[in-house]
Amino acid sequence: MAGYLEAYGAGDERRGRIVKRPLLIGIPAVLVLICGYFWFRNYSQEQVVKHFFALLQDKRYQEAYALWGCTQDRPCKYWGPEKFNEEWGPSSPYSNVSAIKITHEDNCGNGVVFDIESPSNQPLGLFVDKETNTLGYAPQARCPGPHLQIWEFIKSRFS
């Protein structure tokens, strides 16, 4: 009869392990997926901005102009290659590309707004369309409505 009572509660322990293991594995996995989503959701748009700065640094202005959806053959209506060179060329205020930093990014409807800063210039907003990955200047009136700034809060704690 001693063996009968020794097995008492063994099913409860097994049932407890069956419940605990998925929770101990699942909760961290969900947290990693959520962090990964917030980390990589604007990855391709951020790469467009970084590619733009790399083209400016390499002095490949025609290719940089093409990232705005404009070319030498089909220039933008009110913003030709001459105007682009005034604003982003070698004699522009943003000619020192290595000093430009992305300070903030914000999802805005069908695009992402990147705030950039340069030591000798005013902060500037660049807008990247999510569908076409073309650059543009950010609108003066930023995205209306409340925005969760959870990721910025977390980054501020570790930087």
C-alpha atoms as a PDB file:
ATOM      1  CA  MET A   1       0.000   0.000   0.000  1.00  0.00           C
ATOM      2  CA  ALA A   2       2.962   2.354   0.404  1.00  0.00           C
ATOM      3  CA  GLY A   3       3.395   2.555  -3.374  1.00  0.00           C
ATOM      4  CA  TYR A   4      -0.175   3.709  -3.841  1.00  0.00           C
ATOM      5  CA  LEU A   5       0.299   6.929  -1.864  1.00  0.00           C
ATOM      6  CA  GLU A   6       3.715   7.710  -3.334  1.00  0.00           C
ATOM      7  CA  ALA A   7       2.225   8.326  -6.779  1.00  0.00           C
ATOM      8  CA  TYR A   8      -0.400  10.670  -5.348  1.00  0.00           C
ATOM      9  CA  GLY A   9       0.139  14.192  -6.795  1.00  0.00           C
ATOM     10  CA  ALA A  10       2.425  13.081  -9.626  1.00  0.00           C
ATOM     11  CA  GLY A  11      -0.232  14.019 -12.182  1.00  0.00           C
ATOM     12  CA  ASP A  12      -0.514  17.494 -10.678  1.00  0.00           C
ATOM     13  CA  GLU A  13       3.221  18.060 -11.085  1.00  0.00           C
ATOM     14  CA  ARG A  14       3.102  16.904 -14.684  1.00  0.00           C
ATOM     15  CA  ARG A  15       0.082  19.099 -15.414  1.00  0.00           C
ATOM     16  CA  GLY A  16       1.919  22.056 -13.833  1.00  0.00           C
ATOM     17  CA  ARG A  17       4.938  21.512 -16.110  1.00  0.00           C
ATOM     18  CA  ILE A  18       2.665  21.281 -19.152  1.00  0.00           C
ATOM     19  CA  VAL A  19       1.210  24.703 -18.318  1.00  0.00           C
ATOM     20  CA  LYS A  20       4.445  26.402 -17.177  1.00  0.00           C
ATOM     21  CA  ARG A  21       6.699  25.477 -20.104  1.00  0.00           C
ATOM     22  CA  PRO A  22       4.610  27.084 -22.849  1.00  0.00           C
ATOM     23  CA  LEU A  23       4.194  30.196 -20.715  1.00  0.00           C
ATOM     24  CA  LEU A  24       7.900  30.420 -19.927  1.00  0.00           C
ATOM     25  CA  ILE A  25       8.731  30.033 -23.610  1.00  0.00           C
ATOM     26  CA  GLY A  26       5.755  31.868 -25.111  1.00  0.00           C
ATOM     27  CA  ILE A  27       5.824  35.124 -23.149  1.00  0.00           C
ATOM     28  CA  PRO A  28       9.485  35.935 -23.942  1.00  0.00           C
ATOM     29  CA  ALA A  29       8.929  34.900 -27.566  1.00  0.00           C
ATOM     30  CA  VAL A  30       5.971  37.296 -27.869  1.00  0.00           C
ATOM     31  CA  LEU A  31       8.022  40.090 -26.276  1.00  0.00           C
ATOM     32  CA  VAL A  32      10.885  39.474 -28.715  1.00  0.00           C
ATOM     33  CA  LEU A  33       8.449  39.539 -31.656  1.00  0.00           C
ATOM     34  CA  ILE A  34       6.886  42.808 -30.478  1.00  0.00           C
ATOM     35  CA  CYS A  35      10.305  44.431 -30.004  1.00  0.00           C
ATOM     36  CA  GLY A  36      11.406  43.132 -33.399  1.00  0.00           C
ATOM     37  CA  TYR A  37       8.325  44.609 -35.027  1.00  0.00           C
ATOM     38  CA  PHE A  38       8.967  48.051 -33.557  1.00  0.00           C
ATOM     39  CA  TRP A  39      12.675  47.828 -34.372  1.00  0.00           C
ATOM     40  CA  PHE A  40      12.254  46.766 -38.015  1.00  0.00           C
ATOM     41  CA  ARG A  41       8.889  48.233 -39.084  1.00  0.00           C
ATOM     42  CA  ASN A  42      10.545  51.252 -40.756  1.00  0.00           C
ATOM     43  CA  TYR A  43      13.729  49.445 -41.767  1.00  0.00           C
ATOM     44  CA  SER A  44      13.365  49.811 -45.539  1.00  0.00           C
ATOM     45  CA  GLN A  45      12.446  53.498 -45.259  1.00  0.00           C
ATOM     46  CA  GLU A  46      15.409  54.116 -42.969  1.00  0.00           C
ATOM     47  CA  GLN A  47      17.656  52.419 -45.512  1.00  0.00           C
ATOM     48  CA  VAL A  48      16.357  54.793 -48.202  1.00  0.00           C
ATOM     49  CA  VAL A  49      17.388  57.796 -46.082  1.00  0.00           C
ATOM     50  CA  LYS A  50      20.782  56.279 -45.315  1.00  0.00           C
ATOM     51  CA  HIS A  51      21.281  55.440 -49.007  1.00  0.00           C
ATOM     52  CA  PHE A  52      20.418  59.054 -49.866  1.00  0.00           C
ATOM     53  CA  PHE A  53      23.068  60.312 -47.451  1.00  0.00           C
ATOM     54  CA  ALA A  54      25.603  57.811 -48.802  1.00  0.00           C
ATOM     55  CA  LEU A  55      24.950  59.046 -52.353  1.00  0.00           C
ATOM     56  CA  LEU A  56      25.423  62.641 -51.223  1.00  0.00           C
ATOM     57  CA  GLN A  57      28.660  61.732 -49.489  1.00  0.00           C
ATOM     58  CA  ASP A  58      29.921  60.017 -52.656  1.00  0.00           C
ATOM     59  CA  LYS A  59      28.868  63.130 -54.625  1.00  0.00           C
ATOM     60  CA  ARG A  60      26.487  61.132 -56.844  1.00  0.00           C
ATOM     61  CA  TYR A  61      23.876  63.862 -56.948  1.00  0.00           C
ATOM     62  CA  GLN A  62      21.917  62.608 -59.961  1.00  0.00           C
ATOM     63  CA  GLU A  63      21.277  59.275 -58.260  1.00  0.00           C
ATOM     64  CA  ALA A  64      20.339  61.065 -55.038  1.00  0.00           C
ATOM     65  CA  TYR A  65      17.944  63.266 -57.026  1.00  0.00           C
ATOM     66  CA  ALA A  66      16.368  60.108 -58.466  1.00  0.00           C
ATOM     67  CA  LEU A  67      15.459  58.947 -54.934  1.00  0.00           C
ATOM     68  CA  TRP A  68      13.062  61.893 -54.824  1.00  0.00           C
ATOM     69  CA  GLY A  69      11.247  60.465 -57.858  1.00  0.00           C
ATOM     70  CA  CYS A  70      12.905  62.915 -60.235  1.00  0.00           C
ATOM     71  CA  THR A  71      15.457  62.395 -62.997  1.00  0.00           C
ATOM     72  CA  GLN A  72      17.441  64.578 -65.377  1.00  0.00           C
ATOM     73  CA  ASP A  73      15.117  63.552 -68.214  1.00  0.00           C
ATOM     74  CA  ARG A  74      11.928  64.063 -66.205  1.00  0.00           C
ATOM     75  CA  PRO A  75      12.692  66.617 -63.469  1.00  0.00           C
ATOM     76  CA  CYS A  76      10.172  67.440 -60.791  1.00  0.00           C
ATOM     77  CA  LYS A  77       7.854  70.286 -61.773  1.00  0.00           C
ATOM     78  CA  TYR A  78       8.912  72.916 -59.222  1.00  0.00           C
ATOM     79  CA  TRP A  79      12.175  71.376 -58.100  1.00  0.00           C
ATOM     80  CA  GLY A  80      14.712  70.885 -60.848  1.00  0.00           C
ATOM     81  CA  PRO A  81      18.246  69.521 -60.583  1.00  0.00           C
ATOM     82  CA  GLU A  82      19.633  73.044 -60.081  1.00  0.00           C
ATOM     83  CA  LYS A  83      17.379  73.599 -57.071  1.00  0.00           C
ATOM     84  CA  PHE A  84      18.310  70.160 -55.720  1.00  0.00           C
ATOM     85  CA  ASN A  85      22.013  71.061 -55.963  1.00  0.00           C
ATOM     86  CA  GLU A  86      21.343  74.320 -54.128  1.00  0.00           C
ATOM     87  CA  GLU A  87      19.712  72.461 -51.267  1.00  0.00           C
ATOM     88  CA  TRP A  88      21.805  69.262 -51.156  1.00  0.00           C
ATOM     89  CA  GLY A  89      24.863  69.867 -53.364  1.00  0.00           C
ATOM     90  CA  PRO A  90      28.475  70.611 -52.443  1.00  0.00           C
ATOM     91  CA  SER A  91      27.829  74.263 -51.602  1.00  0.00           C
ATOM     92  CA  SER A  92      24.621  73.601 -49.656  1.00  0.00           C
ATOM     93  CA  PRO A  93      24.194  73.861 -45.888  1.00  0.00           C
ATOM     94  CA  TYR A  94      23.971  70.044 -45.780  1.00  0.00           C
ATOM     95  CA  SER A  95      27.218  69.408 -47.655  1.00  0.00           C
ATOM     96  CA  ASN A  96      28.843  67.850 -44.566  1.00  0.00           C
ATOM     97  CA  VAL A  97      26.807  64.645 -44.772  1.00  0.00           C
ATOM     98  CA  SER A  98      28.845  62.774 -42.167  1.00  0.00           C
ATOM     99  CA  ALA A  99      27.568  65.179 -39.482  1.00  0.00           C
ATOM    100  CA  ILE A 100      23.881  64.602 -40.302  1.00  0.00           C
ATOM    101  CA  LYS A 101      22.041  62.364 -37.845  1.00  0.00           C
ATOM    102  CA  ILE A 102      18.545  60.906 -37.756  1.00  0.00           C
ATOM    103  CA  THR A 103      17.116  61.994 -34.405  1.00  0.00           C
ATOM    104  CA  HIS A 104      13.536  60.757 -34.574  1.00  0.00           C
ATOM    105  CA  GLU A 105      11.225  58.770 -36.808  1.00  0.00           C
ATOM    106  CA  ASP A 106       7.449  58.734 -36.806  1.00  0.00           C
ATOM    107  CA  ASN A 107       4.929  56.678 -38.772  1.00  0.00           C
ATOM    108  CA  CYS A 108       2.560  58.964 -40.567  1.00  0.00           C
ATOM    109  CA  GLY A 109      -0.206  57.422 -42.640  1.00  0.00           C
ATOM    110  CA  ASN A 110       1.381  55.985 -45.779  1.00  0.00           C
ATOM    111  CA  GLY A 111       4.925  57.047 -44.928  1.00  0.00           C
ATOM    112  CA  VAL A 112       7.564  57.688 -42.318  1.00  0.00           C
ATOM    113  CA  VAL A 113       8.855  61.078 -41.201  1.00  0.00           C
ATOM    114  CA  PHE A 114      12.540  61.248 -40.254  1.00  0.00           C
ATOM    115  CA  ASP A 115      13.827  64.226 -38.308  1.00  0.00           C
ATOM    116  CA  ILE A 116      17.436  64.938 -39.198  1.00  0.00           C
ATOM    117  CA  GLU A 117      19.855  67.316 -37.559  1.00  0.00           C
ATOM    118  CA  SER A 118      23.092  68.840 -38.691  1.00  0.00           C
ATOM    119  CA  PRO A 119      25.328  70.887 -36.367  1.00  0.00           C
ATOM    120  CA  SER A 120      25.192  74.074 -38.412  1.00  0.00           C
ATOM    121  CA  ASN A 121      21.584  73.902 -39.653  1.00  0.00           C
ATOM    122  CA  GLN A 122      17.985  73.901 -38.581  1.00  0.00           C
ATOM    123  CA  PRO A 123      16.397  70.492 -37.967  1.00  0.00           C
ATOM    124  CA  LEU A 124      14.721  69.152 -41.089  1.00  0.00           C
ATOM    125  CA  GLY A 125      12.060  66.543 -41.723  1.00  0.00           C
ATOM    126  CA  LEU A 126      12.284  64.015 -44.550  1.00  0.00           C
ATOM    127  CA  PHE A 127       9.271  61.962 -45.596  1.00  0.00           C
ATOM    128  CA  VAL A 128       9.629  58.496 -47.158  1.00  0.00           C
ATOM    129  CA  ASP A 129       6.577  57.018 -48.863  1.00  0.00           C
ATOM    130  CA  LYS A 130       6.072  53.392 -47.790  1.00  0.00           C
ATOM    131  CA  GLU A 131       4.707  52.228 -51.140  1.00  0.00           C
ATOM    132  CA  THR A 132       7.205  53.805 -53.514  1.00  0.00           C
ATOM    133  CA  ASN A 133      10.151  54.471 -51.141  1.00  0.00           C
ATOM    134  CA  THR A 134      10.563  57.956 -52.604  1.00  0.00           C
ATOM    135  CA  LEU A 135      11.871  60.835 -50.549  1.00  0.00           C
ATOM    136  CA  GLY A 136      10.256  64.180 -49.953  1.00  0.00           C
ATOM    137  CA  TYR A 137      10.220  66.951 -47.412  1.00  0.00           C
ATOM    138  CA  ALA A 138       7.996  66.333 -44.417  1.00  0.00           C
ATOM    139  CA  PRO A 139       4.848  68.446 -44.267  1.00  0.00           C
ATOM    140  CA  GLN A 140       4.833  71.386 -41.874  1.00  0.00           C
ATOM    141  CA  ALA A 141       1.799  70.022 -40.060  1.00  0.00           C
ATOM    142  CA  ARG A 142       3.033  66.701 -38.764  1.00  0.00           C
ATOM    143  CA  CYS A 143       0.846  63.656 -38.416  1.00  0.00           C
ATOM    144  CA  PRO A 144      -2.355  64.587 -36.635  1.00  0.00           C
ATOM    145  CA  GLY A 145      -3.640  62.560 -33.732  1.00  0.00           C
ATOM    146  CA  PRO A 146      -1.961  60.908 -30.779  1.00  0.00           C
ATOM    147  CA  HIS A 147       1.089  58.759 -31.329  1.00  0.00           C
ATOM    148  CA  LEU A 148       2.458  56.127 -29.012  1.00  0.00           C
ATOM    149  CA  GLN A 149       6.005  57.029 -28.143  1.00  0.00           C
ATOM    150  CA  ILE A 150       6.755  53.797 -26.279  1.00  0.00           C
ATOM    151  CA  TRP A 151       9.793  52.926 -28.381  1.00  0.00           C
ATOM    152  CA  GLU A 152      11.301  56.401 -27.972  1.00  0.00           C
ATOM    153  CA  PHE A 153      10.802  56.094 -24.213  1.00  0.00           C
ATOM    154  CA  ILE A 154      12.587  52.734 -24.138  1.00  0.00           C
ATOM    155  CA  LYS A 155      15.451  54.021 -26.312  1.00  0.00           C
ATOM    156  CA  SER A 156      15.841  57.096 -24.064  1.00  0.00           C
ATOM    157  CA  ARG A 157      16.329  54.836 -21.048  1.00  0.00           C
ATOM    158  CA  PHE A 158      19.233  52.969 -22.639  1.00  0.00           C
ATOM    159  CA  SER A 159      21.052  55.760 -24.462  1.00  0.00           C
END
